[in-house]
Protein backbone atom coordinates (compact mmCIF):
# COMPACT_ATOMS: atom_id res chain seq x y z
CA MET A 1 13.86 13.97 -23.01
CA THR A 2 17.38 12.55 -22.69
CA THR A 3 19.23 11.94 -19.47
CA LYS A 4 21.33 15.03 -20.19
CA ASP A 5 18.19 17.13 -19.85
CA ILE A 6 17.32 15.80 -16.40
CA PRO A 7 17.81 18.33 -13.60
CA LYS A 8 19.56 17.07 -10.47
CA LYS A 9 17.37 16.85 -7.39
CA ASN A 10 18.64 18.38 -4.15
CA ILE A 11 15.91 17.71 -1.61
CA SER A 12 16.53 18.96 1.91
CA ASN A 13 15.44 16.83 4.86
CA GLU A 14 12.78 19.36 5.74
CA GLU A 15 11.23 19.05 2.26
CA ILE A 16 10.63 15.32 2.73
CA ARG A 17 7.07 14.84 3.94
CA PHE A 18 6.37 12.81 7.06
CA THR A 19 5.43 9.25 6.14
CA ALA A 20 2.39 9.48 8.42
CA ASP A 21 1.12 12.44 6.39
CA VAL A 22 1.75 10.79 3.03
CA HIS A 23 0.09 7.53 4.09
CA SER A 24 -2.98 8.98 5.76
CA ASN A 25 -4.49 5.49 6.05
CA LEU A 26 -1.86 4.65 8.68
CA LYS A 27 -3.02 5.34 12.21
CA ARG A 28 -0.83 5.29 15.29
CA ASN A 29 -1.61 2.32 17.51
CA PRO A 30 -3.37 3.87 20.53
CA ASN A 31 -2.04 1.08 22.75
CA PHE A 32 1.49 2.45 22.44
CA LYS A 33 2.77 4.72 25.16
CA LYS A 34 4.40 8.04 24.28
CA LEU A 35 7.97 8.68 25.29
CA SER A 36 8.27 10.45 28.66
CA GLN A 37 11.07 12.03 30.64
CA ASP A 38 11.03 9.03 32.99
CA ASP A 39 11.69 6.76 30.00
CA ILE A 40 14.62 8.93 28.91
CA LEU A 41 16.02 8.83 32.44
CA TYR A 42 15.89 5.04 32.38
CA PHE A 43 17.80 4.84 29.09
CA GLN A 44 20.34 7.33 30.43
CA SER A 45 20.86 5.05 33.43
CA ILE A 46 21.92 2.08 31.28
CA LEU A 47 23.68 3.81 28.36
CA PRO A 48 26.48 6.39 28.19
CA SER A 49 25.49 9.86 26.98
CA ASN A 50 27.14 9.37 23.57
CA ALA A 51 24.90 6.34 22.97
CA LEU A 52 21.73 8.46 23.05
CA THR A 53 20.40 10.99 20.59
CA ILE A 54 17.52 12.84 22.24
CA GLU A 55 15.44 15.41 20.40
CA SER A 56 16.60 18.96 21.10
CA ASP A 57 17.14 22.19 19.21
CA SER A 58 20.84 21.40 18.78
CA ASN A 59 20.67 17.91 17.27
CA GLN A 60 17.85 18.04 14.74
CA GLU A 61 20.18 17.21 11.86
CA GLU A 62 21.68 14.19 13.66
CA LEU A 63 18.24 12.87 14.56
CA MET A 64 17.00 13.42 11.01
CA ALA A 65 19.67 11.07 9.65
CA TYR A 66 17.94 8.22 11.50
CA ASN A 67 14.39 9.37 10.67
CA VAL A 68 14.90 9.62 6.89
CA ASP A 69 15.53 6.59 4.69
CA TRP A 70 18.20 6.22 1.99
CA LEU A 71 15.71 6.85 -0.82
CA ARG A 72 14.67 10.07 0.94
CA ILE A 73 11.02 9.07 0.61
CA HIS A 74 10.14 8.13 4.18
CA ARG A 75 10.46 10.38 7.20
CA GLY A 76 9.60 9.39 10.75
CA LYS A 77 8.97 11.38 13.91
CA SER A 78 11.21 9.56 16.38
CA LYS A 79 12.44 11.69 19.28
CA LEU A 80 15.00 9.19 20.56
CA VAL A 81 17.75 7.01 19.10
CA VAL A 82 19.51 4.52 21.38
CA LYS A 83 22.82 2.98 20.32
CA PRO A 84 23.62 -0.01 22.56
CA LYS A 85 27.05 -1.63 22.42
CA THR A 86 26.24 -5.04 23.90
CA THR A 87 23.55 -7.66 23.56
CA ALA A 88 22.77 -7.25 27.27
CA GLN A 89 22.07 -3.56 26.72
CA VAL A 90 19.76 -4.38 23.80
CA SER A 91 17.96 -6.87 26.03
CA ASN A 92 17.45 -4.31 28.82
CA ILE A 93 16.15 -1.71 26.35
CA VAL A 94 13.74 -4.06 24.60
CA LYS A 95 12.46 -5.55 27.87
CA TYR A 96 11.71 -2.08 29.22
CA CYS A 97 10.00 -1.00 25.99
CA ASN A 98 7.86 -4.12 25.99
CA GLU A 99 6.77 -3.59 29.60
CA LYS A 100 5.96 0.08 28.91
CA LYS A 101 4.48 -0.61 25.45
CA LEU A 102 6.95 1.73 23.75
CA ALA A 103 7.16 0.91 20.04
CA ILE A 104 10.65 0.41 18.58
CA VAL A 105 12.30 0.24 15.15
CA PRO A 106 15.58 -1.69 14.79
CA GLN A 107 17.94 0.07 12.37
CA GLY A 108 21.23 -1.00 10.86
CA GLY A 109 22.92 1.00 8.10
CA ASN A 110 19.52 2.40 7.00
CA THR A 111 20.23 1.48 3.37
CA GLY A 112 16.91 -0.30 2.74
CA LEU A 113 14.67 0.48 -0.22
CA VAL A 114 11.21 -0.36 1.16
CA GLY A 115 10.90 1.89 4.21
CA GLY A 116 11.50 -0.95 6.65
CA SER A 117 14.17 0.64 8.84
CA THR A 118 12.65 4.05 9.56
CA PRO A 119 9.83 4.91 11.99
CA ILE A 120 6.35 5.95 10.91
CA PHE A 121 5.33 7.86 14.02
CA ASP A 122 7.33 8.34 17.24
CA GLU A 123 8.83 4.85 17.60
CA ILE A 124 12.17 4.64 19.43
CA ILE A 125 15.01 3.79 17.04
CA ILE A 126 17.43 1.11 18.24
CA SER A 127 20.55 1.54 16.13
CA THR A 128 23.02 -1.35 15.90
CA LYS A 129 25.94 0.86 14.78
CA ASN A 130 27.85 0.28 18.06
CA LEU A 131 27.37 -3.48 17.91
CA ASN A 132 30.40 -3.74 15.64
CA GLN A 133 32.81 -6.33 17.03
CA ILE A 134 34.16 -9.35 15.15
CA ARG A 135 33.96 -12.11 17.74
CA GLU A 136 35.86 -14.98 16.18
CA PHE A 137 36.92 -16.60 12.93
CA ASP A 138 37.76 -20.27 12.40
CA PRO A 139 39.85 -20.74 9.22
CA ILE A 140 39.42 -24.51 9.32
CA SER A 141 35.62 -24.51 9.17
CA SER A 142 35.53 -21.07 7.45
CA THR A 143 33.04 -19.75 10.00
CA LEU A 144 32.80 -16.13 11.15
CA ILE A 145 30.94 -14.89 14.24
CA CYS A 146 30.35 -11.16 14.55
CA ASP A 147 28.05 -8.49 15.95
CA SER A 148 25.10 -7.53 13.80
CA GLY A 149 26.27 -3.93 13.39
CA CYS A 150 29.47 -4.86 11.54
CA ILE A 151 29.64 -3.22 8.11
CA LEU A 152 29.65 -5.75 5.28
CA GLU A 153 32.71 -4.33 3.52
CA ILE A 154 34.73 -4.28 6.76
CA LEU A 155 33.90 -7.94 7.31
CA ASP A 156 34.98 -8.75 3.76
CA ASP A 157 38.26 -6.86 4.23
CA TYR A 158 38.86 -8.73 7.49
CA LEU A 159 38.29 -12.07 5.78
CA ALA A 160 40.44 -11.07 2.78
CA GLU A 161 43.47 -10.90 5.09
CA ARG A 162 42.70 -14.49 6.03
CA GLY A 163 42.15 -15.86 2.53
CA HIS A 164 38.36 -15.77 2.72
CA MET A 165 35.42 -13.62 1.59
CA MET A 166 31.84 -12.88 2.53
CA PRO A 167 29.39 -14.87 0.38
CA LEU A 168 27.29 -11.70 0.03
CA ASP A 169 28.22 -8.66 -2.06
CA ILE A 170 25.88 -5.71 -2.63
CA GLY A 171 26.23 -2.14 -3.83
CA SER A 172 25.74 -0.66 -0.35
CA LYS A 173 28.44 -2.84 1.23
CA GLY A 174 30.34 0.22 2.44
CA SER A 175 27.54 1.23 4.83
CA CYS A 176 25.06 -1.65 5.27
CA HIS A 177 25.20 -3.82 8.40
CA ILE A 178 25.33 -7.60 8.29
CA GLY A 179 22.39 -7.76 10.73
CA GLY A 180 20.30 -5.69 8.34
CA ASN A 181 21.40 -7.91 5.46
CA VAL A 182 20.15 -10.94 7.38
CA ALA A 183 16.96 -9.21 8.52
CA THR A 184 16.07 -8.42 4.89
CA ASN A 185 17.58 -11.61 3.42
CA ALA A 186 19.69 -9.51 1.05
CA GLY A 187 20.60 -11.24 -2.20
CA GLY A 188 23.30 -9.35 -4.06
CA VAL A 189 25.32 -9.90 -7.20
CA ARG A 190 26.86 -13.30 -6.36
CA TYR A 191 23.67 -15.12 -5.48
CA VAL A 192 24.06 -17.25 -8.61
CA ARG A 193 27.12 -18.90 -7.04
CA TYR A 194 26.67 -18.70 -3.27
CA GLY A 195 22.90 -18.77 -2.87
CA SER A 196 20.84 -16.96 -0.23
CA LEU A 197 21.56 -16.14 3.39
CA HIS A 198 19.12 -18.90 4.33
CA GLY A 199 21.90 -21.27 3.28
CA THR A 200 25.01 -19.46 4.52
CA ILE A 201 23.77 -18.28 7.93
CA LEU A 202 24.70 -20.96 10.48
CA GLY A 203 23.35 -19.31 13.61
CA LEU A 204 21.94 -16.11 15.07
CA GLU A 205 21.80 -14.33 18.39
CA VAL A 206 18.48 -12.52 18.70
CA VAL A 207 16.86 -10.39 21.38
CA LEU A 208 13.16 -11.25 21.49
CA PRO A 209 10.44 -8.65 22.18
CA ASP A 210 10.29 -9.53 25.88
CA GLY A 211 14.06 -9.07 26.25
CA THR A 212 14.91 -12.78 26.17
CA ILE A 213 18.26 -13.45 24.48
CA LEU A 214 18.02 -16.32 22.00
CA ASP A 215 21.59 -17.63 21.78
CA ASN A 216 21.84 -19.76 18.67
CA LEU A 217 25.29 -18.76 17.38
CA SER A 218 26.03 -22.24 16.14
CA THR A 219 28.89 -22.88 13.71
CA LEU A 220 27.68 -26.36 12.79
CA ARG A 221 27.15 -27.06 9.11
CA LYS A 222 24.68 -29.84 9.91
CA ASP A 223 22.18 -29.85 12.77
CA ASN A 224 18.87 -31.66 12.41
CA THR A 225 17.66 -31.39 16.02
CA GLY A 226 14.18 -29.94 15.82
CA TYR A 227 12.95 -26.75 14.18
CA ASP A 228 15.51 -24.50 12.52
CA ILE A 229 14.47 -21.42 14.53
CA LYS A 230 17.05 -19.06 13.01
CA GLN A 231 15.30 -19.22 9.65
CA LEU A 232 12.33 -17.33 11.11
CA PHE A 233 14.47 -14.24 11.64
CA ILE A 234 16.13 -14.22 8.21
CA GLY A 235 13.95 -11.84 6.22
CA SER A 236 11.76 -10.88 9.22
CA GLU A 237 12.89 -7.22 9.07
CA GLY A 238 12.97 -6.71 12.82
CA THR A 239 9.31 -7.64 13.32
CA LEU A 240 10.06 -10.72 15.47
CA GLY A 241 13.22 -9.63 17.29
CA ILE A 242 16.51 -7.76 16.98
CA ILE A 243 19.46 -9.66 15.55
CA THR A 244 22.56 -8.90 17.64
CA GLY A 245 24.98 -11.62 16.52
CA VAL A 246 25.58 -13.54 13.30
CA SER A 247 27.39 -16.79 12.54
CA ILE A 248 28.03 -17.12 8.82
CA LEU A 249 29.83 -19.52 6.52
CA ALA A 250 32.56 -17.62 4.69
CA SER A 251 33.90 -18.67 1.31
CA ARG A 252 37.48 -19.19 0.24
CA ARG A 253 38.69 -16.06 -1.55
CA HIS A 254 39.47 -16.71 -5.19
CA LYS A 255 43.10 -16.40 -6.18
CA ALA A 256 42.02 -15.29 -9.62
CA ILE A 257 39.12 -12.99 -10.50
CA SER A 258 38.23 -11.96 -14.03
CA VAL A 259 35.54 -9.61 -15.32
CA ALA A 260 34.13 -9.19 -18.81
CA VAL A 261 31.52 -6.78 -20.15
CA LEU A 262 29.39 -7.53 -23.21
CA GLY A 263 27.34 -5.44 -25.64
CA LEU A 264 24.15 -7.11 -26.93
CA ASN A 265 21.33 -6.16 -29.28
CA SER A 266 18.40 -7.80 -27.47
CA PHE A 267 17.37 -9.28 -24.14
CA GLU A 268 16.98 -12.62 -25.93
CA ASN A 269 20.71 -12.43 -26.62
CA VAL A 270 21.31 -11.65 -22.94
CA GLN A 271 19.54 -14.91 -22.10
CA ASN A 272 21.52 -16.86 -24.69
CA ALA A 273 24.78 -15.42 -23.37
CA PHE A 274 23.76 -16.51 -19.87
CA ILE A 275 22.98 -20.05 -21.03
CA THR A 276 26.33 -20.25 -22.79
CA SER A 277 28.16 -18.89 -19.74
CA LYS A 278 26.67 -21.65 -17.58
CA GLU A 279 27.82 -24.23 -20.13
CA MET A 280 31.35 -22.92 -20.62
CA LEU A 281 32.17 -21.27 -17.28
CA THR A 282 30.31 -23.64 -14.98
CA GLU A 283 32.63 -24.01 -11.98
CA ILE A 284 34.06 -20.47 -12.03
CA LEU A 285 30.97 -18.33 -12.82
CA SER A 286 30.34 -15.95 -9.90
CA ALA A 287 28.06 -13.26 -11.32
CA PHE A 288 25.99 -12.49 -14.41
CA GLU A 289 24.49 -8.99 -14.35
CA PHE A 290 22.68 -6.98 -17.01
CA TRP A 291 21.47 -3.42 -17.60
CA ASP A 292 19.83 -1.58 -20.49
CA ASP A 293 21.20 1.34 -22.50
CA LYS A 294 19.12 3.88 -20.57
CA SER A 295 20.71 2.75 -17.31
CA LEU A 296 24.17 3.26 -18.78
CA LYS A 297 23.33 6.74 -20.10
CA MET A 298 21.98 7.70 -16.69
CA VAL A 299 25.15 6.54 -14.92
CA LYS A 300 27.37 8.35 -17.41
CA THR A 301 25.40 11.56 -16.94
CA HIS A 302 24.96 11.64 -13.19
CA LEU A 303 28.01 9.78 -11.89
CA ASP A 304 30.53 11.08 -14.42
CA GLN A 305 31.42 7.62 -15.69
CA SER A 306 31.64 8.48 -19.41
CA ALA A 307 35.39 7.92 -19.75
CA LYS A 308 35.38 4.61 -17.89
CA PHE A 309 33.15 2.50 -20.14
CA PRO A 310 34.98 0.79 -23.01
CA LEU A 311 32.11 -0.29 -25.30
CA ASP A 312 30.02 1.55 -27.88
CA GLU A 313 26.27 1.96 -27.51
CA TYR A 314 24.12 -1.18 -27.51
CA PRO A 315 20.55 -1.83 -26.31
CA PHE A 316 21.81 -4.14 -23.53
CA TYR A 317 24.96 -4.90 -21.60
CA ALA A 318 26.03 -7.85 -19.46
CA LEU A 319 28.79 -8.14 -16.88
CA ILE A 320 30.32 -11.51 -16.10
CA GLU A 321 32.61 -12.24 -13.18
CA THR A 322 34.53 -15.47 -12.71
CA GLY A 323 36.51 -16.64 -9.69
CA GLY A 324 38.92 -19.53 -9.52
CA SER A 325 42.37 -20.67 -8.47
CA ASN A 326 44.33 -20.21 -11.71
CA LYS A 327 44.21 -16.86 -13.53
CA ASP A 328 45.63 -18.16 -16.81
CA HIS A 329 43.14 -21.01 -16.85
CA ASP A 330 40.17 -18.77 -16.01
CA GLU A 331 41.05 -16.06 -18.53
CA GLU A 332 41.52 -18.69 -21.21
CA LYS A 333 38.03 -20.06 -20.50
CA LEU A 334 36.57 -16.56 -20.47
CA SER A 335 38.31 -15.73 -23.77
CA GLU A 336 36.94 -18.93 -25.34
CA PHE A 337 33.47 -18.01 -24.09
CA LEU A 338 33.74 -14.52 -25.56
CA GLU A 339 34.94 -15.84 -28.91
CA THR A 340 32.08 -18.37 -29.01
CA VAL A 341 29.25 -15.92 -28.27
CA MET A 342 30.65 -13.38 -30.73
CA GLU A 343 31.06 -15.98 -33.48
CA LYS A 344 27.43 -17.06 -32.96
CA GLY A 345 26.24 -13.44 -33.14
CA ILE A 346 24.90 -13.54 -29.57
CA VAL A 347 27.26 -10.78 -28.46
CA LYS A 348 28.18 -7.85 -30.70
CA ASN A 349 31.23 -6.74 -28.75
CA GLY A 350 32.97 -7.50 -25.50
CA ILE A 351 36.15 -6.97 -23.52
CA ILE A 352 37.91 -8.63 -20.61
CA ALA A 353 39.17 -6.27 -17.90
CA GLN A 354 42.95 -5.93 -18.03
CA ASP A 355 43.58 -5.22 -14.36
CA ASN A 356 41.93 -4.63 -10.97
CA THR A 357 41.37 -0.96 -11.72
CA GLN A 358 39.34 -1.73 -14.83
CA MET A 359 37.44 -4.48 -13.01
CA LYS A 360 36.38 -2.02 -10.32
CA SER A 361 35.48 0.52 -12.99
CA LEU A 362 33.18 -1.93 -14.79
CA TRP A 363 31.54 -2.97 -11.53
CA SER A 364 31.04 0.70 -10.61
CA ILE A 365 28.78 1.08 -13.66
CA ARG A 366 26.45 -1.68 -12.53
CA GLU A 367 26.53 -0.77 -8.84
CA GLY A 368 26.09 2.93 -9.58
CA ILE A 369 22.68 2.62 -11.26
CA PRO A 370 20.59 3.19 -8.08
CA ASP A 371 22.72 6.19 -7.05
CA ALA A 372 22.42 7.66 -10.54
CA GLY A 373 18.65 7.19 -10.37
CA MET A 374 18.51 9.16 -7.13
CA LYS A 375 20.35 12.05 -8.79
CA ALA A 376 18.31 11.89 -11.98
CA GLY A 377 14.99 12.70 -10.31
CA SER A 378 12.48 11.27 -7.86
CA ALA A 379 13.08 7.54 -8.11
CA TYR A 380 10.83 4.54 -7.51
CA PHE A 381 12.74 1.25 -7.24
CA TYR A 382 11.07 -2.11 -7.78
CA ASP A 383 12.59 -5.48 -6.98
CA ILE A 384 10.92 -8.46 -8.66
CA SER A 385 11.54 -12.17 -9.12
CA ILE A 386 10.22 -13.33 -12.45
CA PRO A 387 11.08 -16.12 -14.95
CA ILE A 388 14.10 -15.01 -17.00
CA PRO A 389 12.40 -15.35 -20.45
CA VAL A 390 9.88 -12.59 -19.57
CA MET A 391 12.15 -10.59 -17.27
CA TYR A 392 12.56 -7.48 -19.43
CA LYS A 393 9.07 -7.62 -20.95
CA ILE A 394 7.74 -6.08 -17.73
CA VAL A 395 9.87 -2.99 -18.32
CA GLU A 396 8.53 -2.68 -21.86
CA ASP A 397 4.94 -3.14 -20.67
CA VAL A 398 5.31 -0.51 -17.92
CA ILE A 399 6.66 1.98 -20.48
CA SER A 400 3.79 1.20 -22.84
CA LYS A 401 1.17 1.71 -20.13
CA LEU A 402 2.77 4.96 -18.98
CA LYS A 403 2.74 6.24 -22.58
CA ASN A 404 -0.91 5.28 -23.03
CA ALA A 405 -1.76 7.15 -19.82
CA GLY A 406 0.07 10.24 -21.05
CA LEU A 407 2.59 10.05 -18.19
CA TYR A 408 5.76 9.08 -20.05
CA GLY A 409 8.15 11.93 -20.83
CA LYS A 410 6.50 14.10 -18.22
CA PRO A 411 6.16 13.59 -15.26
CA VAL A 412 7.87 10.20 -15.82
CA ILE A 413 11.34 10.92 -17.17
CA ASP A 414 12.40 7.35 -17.91
CA VAL A 415 12.16 3.68 -16.92
CA HIS A 416 15.27 1.52 -16.52
CA GLY A 417 15.77 -2.22 -16.20
CA PHE A 418 18.80 -3.94 -14.69
CA GLY A 419 19.59 -6.75 -12.29
CA HIS A 420 20.70 -10.31 -11.67
CA VAL A 421 20.04 -12.60 -14.63
CA GLY A 422 21.52 -15.53 -12.74
CA ASP A 423 18.66 -15.66 -10.25
CA GLY A 424 15.81 -14.04 -12.22
CA ASN A 425 15.84 -10.83 -10.17
CA LEU A 426 14.83 -7.69 -12.06
CA HIS A 427 15.42 -4.23 -10.64
CA MET A 428 13.31 -1.57 -12.29
CA SER A 429 13.64 2.15 -11.58
CA ILE A 430 11.00 4.71 -12.52
CA ILE A 431 12.56 8.19 -12.66
CA THR A 432 10.02 11.01 -12.31
CA GLU A 433 9.90 14.75 -11.75
CA SER A 434 7.98 14.20 -8.52
CA TYR A 435 6.24 11.45 -6.57
CA SER A 436 2.69 10.70 -7.63
CA PRO A 437 0.10 8.14 -6.40
CA LYS A 438 -1.18 7.90 -9.98
CA ILE A 439 2.22 6.69 -11.21
CA ILE A 440 2.60 4.26 -8.32
CA ASN A 441 -0.86 2.75 -8.84
CA LEU A 442 -0.32 2.27 -12.57
CA VAL A 443 3.15 0.74 -12.22
CA GLU A 444 2.27 -1.53 -9.31
CA SER A 445 -0.91 -2.69 -11.01
CA CYS A 446 1.18 -3.70 -14.02
CA ILE A 447 3.77 -5.46 -11.86
CA ASN A 448 1.03 -7.29 -9.94
CA GLU A 449 -0.40 -8.60 -13.22
CA TRP A 450 2.96 -9.94 -14.35
CA THR A 451 3.97 -11.55 -11.06
CA GLU A 452 0.55 -13.13 -10.64
CA LYS A 453 0.54 -14.47 -14.19
CA TYR A 454 4.04 -15.99 -13.94
CA LYS A 455 3.94 -16.85 -10.21
CA GLY A 456 6.69 -14.36 -9.50
CA SER A 457 7.54 -12.44 -6.33
CA LEU A 458 6.94 -8.75 -5.64
CA SER A 459 9.98 -8.72 -3.37
CA ALA A 460 13.03 -10.62 -4.54
CA GLU A 461 15.63 -9.36 -2.07
CA HIS A 462 14.71 -6.00 -0.51
CA GLY A 463 11.94 -7.17 1.79
CA ILE A 464 8.42 -5.91 2.49
CA GLY A 465 8.88 -2.96 4.84
CA LEU A 466 6.19 -0.33 4.52
CA MET A 467 6.16 0.07 0.75
CA LYS A 468 5.03 -3.48 0.02
CA SER A 469 2.96 -4.24 3.11
CA LYS A 470 -0.29 -3.51 1.31
CA ILE A 471 0.47 -6.06 -1.39
CA LEU A 472 1.69 -8.85 0.90
CA GLU A 473 -1.79 -10.32 1.27
CA ASN A 474 -2.27 -10.35 -2.51
CA SER A 475 1.06 -12.05 -3.21
CA LYS A 476 0.70 -15.07 -0.92
CA PRO A 477 -2.14 -17.50 -0.22
CA LYS A 478 -4.36 -16.36 2.65
CA VAL A 479 -3.39 -19.33 4.81
CA MET A 480 0.30 -18.35 4.56
CA VAL A 481 -0.35 -14.73 5.49
CA ASP A 482 -2.50 -15.86 8.42
CA ILE A 483 0.33 -18.08 9.67
CA MET A 484 2.77 -15.17 9.39
CA ARG A 485 0.44 -12.96 11.41
CA LYS A 486 0.02 -15.65 14.08
CA MET A 487 3.79 -16.08 14.31
CA LYS A 488 4.17 -12.35 14.78
CA TYR A 489 1.61 -12.43 17.59
CA ILE A 490 3.31 -15.36 19.33
CA PHE A 491 6.67 -13.60 19.38
CA ASP A 492 5.41 -10.05 19.87
CA PRO A 493 1.96 -9.96 21.51
CA ASN A 494 2.25 -6.23 22.27
CA GLY A 495 3.17 -5.49 18.67
CA ILE A 496 6.06 -3.17 19.58
CA MET A 497 8.61 -4.56 17.10
CA ASN A 498 8.80 -2.47 13.92
CA PRO A 499 5.05 -1.78 13.87
CA TYR A 500 3.01 -0.91 10.75
CA LYS A 501 5.39 -3.00 8.61
CA PHE A 502 4.11 -6.25 7.06
CA PHE A 503 0.65 -6.11 8.66
CA PRO A 504 -1.80 -3.32 9.55
CA TYR A 505 -1.93 -3.31 13.33
CA GLN A 506 -5.74 -3.32 13.25
CA LYS A 507 -5.75 -6.81 11.71
CA TYR A 508 -2.99 -7.84 14.09
CA GLU A 509 -5.15 -6.79 17.04
CA GLU A 510 -7.87 -9.18 15.87
CA LEU A 511 -5.72 -12.08 17.07
CA LYS A 512 -6.20 -10.94 20.65
CA VAL A 513 -9.93 -11.54 20.49
């Protein structure tokens, strides 16, 4: 079956099964109180009416948008969404919920891929969409302080007017919130140059589960006084507190940006091209992305990108972005690189984008792969850190195992590999006719084997959420998981913060004994 044969999936919200029904092993924590009219009256007393979405016959569609995740896999049963505008309001809400033992789920742009930002049962959703103010920017130290609900692209546009840029760039930048990026430790396409948020986040403002406001919005580059508490909340996915403010180190915006796309015959050549790019483009290399031919065909079919891609068909493609201060200098270096890798037979063909329009067009191919996967069928997305030499071998092994099990072709339509070569982060999408536990078990068993063998990570940048909570204990030493659970208990003894994610609450309750 080719991608042209794949029917487009149009799943209505009502057709998406409740997560609690799909995962029958999950049981609602009986210690949690159910939402009452008195609770609603309290929230109405501290928030304006337009900052509340309360279940009724007239707003089912609005409420559903918060209950269903971006992948349209998970569906919660929340009856209330609160949208505070200030940190003080968040504090009052969380304090009340903690006292009443009302479970809550913090939610930013709801663009996550592991079910971390949607409820399982009837948890109250605390949306950060109204926490959207830019507080200050210092052009001398290049530090930005903003609310956690600011959209990443809006922040980048704001900084662009001031000669700077966000160090993070991801496909969902038009809708994701910076607080959610921090809470999931998002990686993105420029990790190879700017590193992780653990390095660029200077300070955080966090509301703890008891309502305490932890004000640590430092703009200091160096501060060695005691424990670096902010690091606990980067990647914690709302299980320890709600991030309400972010202090981040911005980067100087490059005066010159260049993009090239390459056609290659093997993943070994992708690796060799990457090695050569590090040698020849050292100080200006910003991104090195790859995708396979099946990913390209899927994007062409489902996102109507056929006319925008300038190369013929090859088994693999790579996209290189450089950023510097002199366009002539950078393009000369990029041209020399392209000539070198083509002369050596590493690259079969390649072009350098001629203008901003073509640069955006080439990036749209890479960034459009997840969206195309959603339109191609029911999609499973996996996010793995693995040594670069064996990065694509996982994809080949998954396909082989699916074929041996008689699942490839139908119900599995195809398997695609793409991602960030620069930091060893593979994204793999399994496109199927429908969701199936049999497919999940086979694929995840294969991934577990590979990550265990090569000491990889089952979550490179998308977090744990619900989807990967069951494999957390198998991916880290027991002592580390025990420490994580104890930390969760110290911060959140009532377990109200984003429950059922990371740890089963039954094991969490054992700490109270």
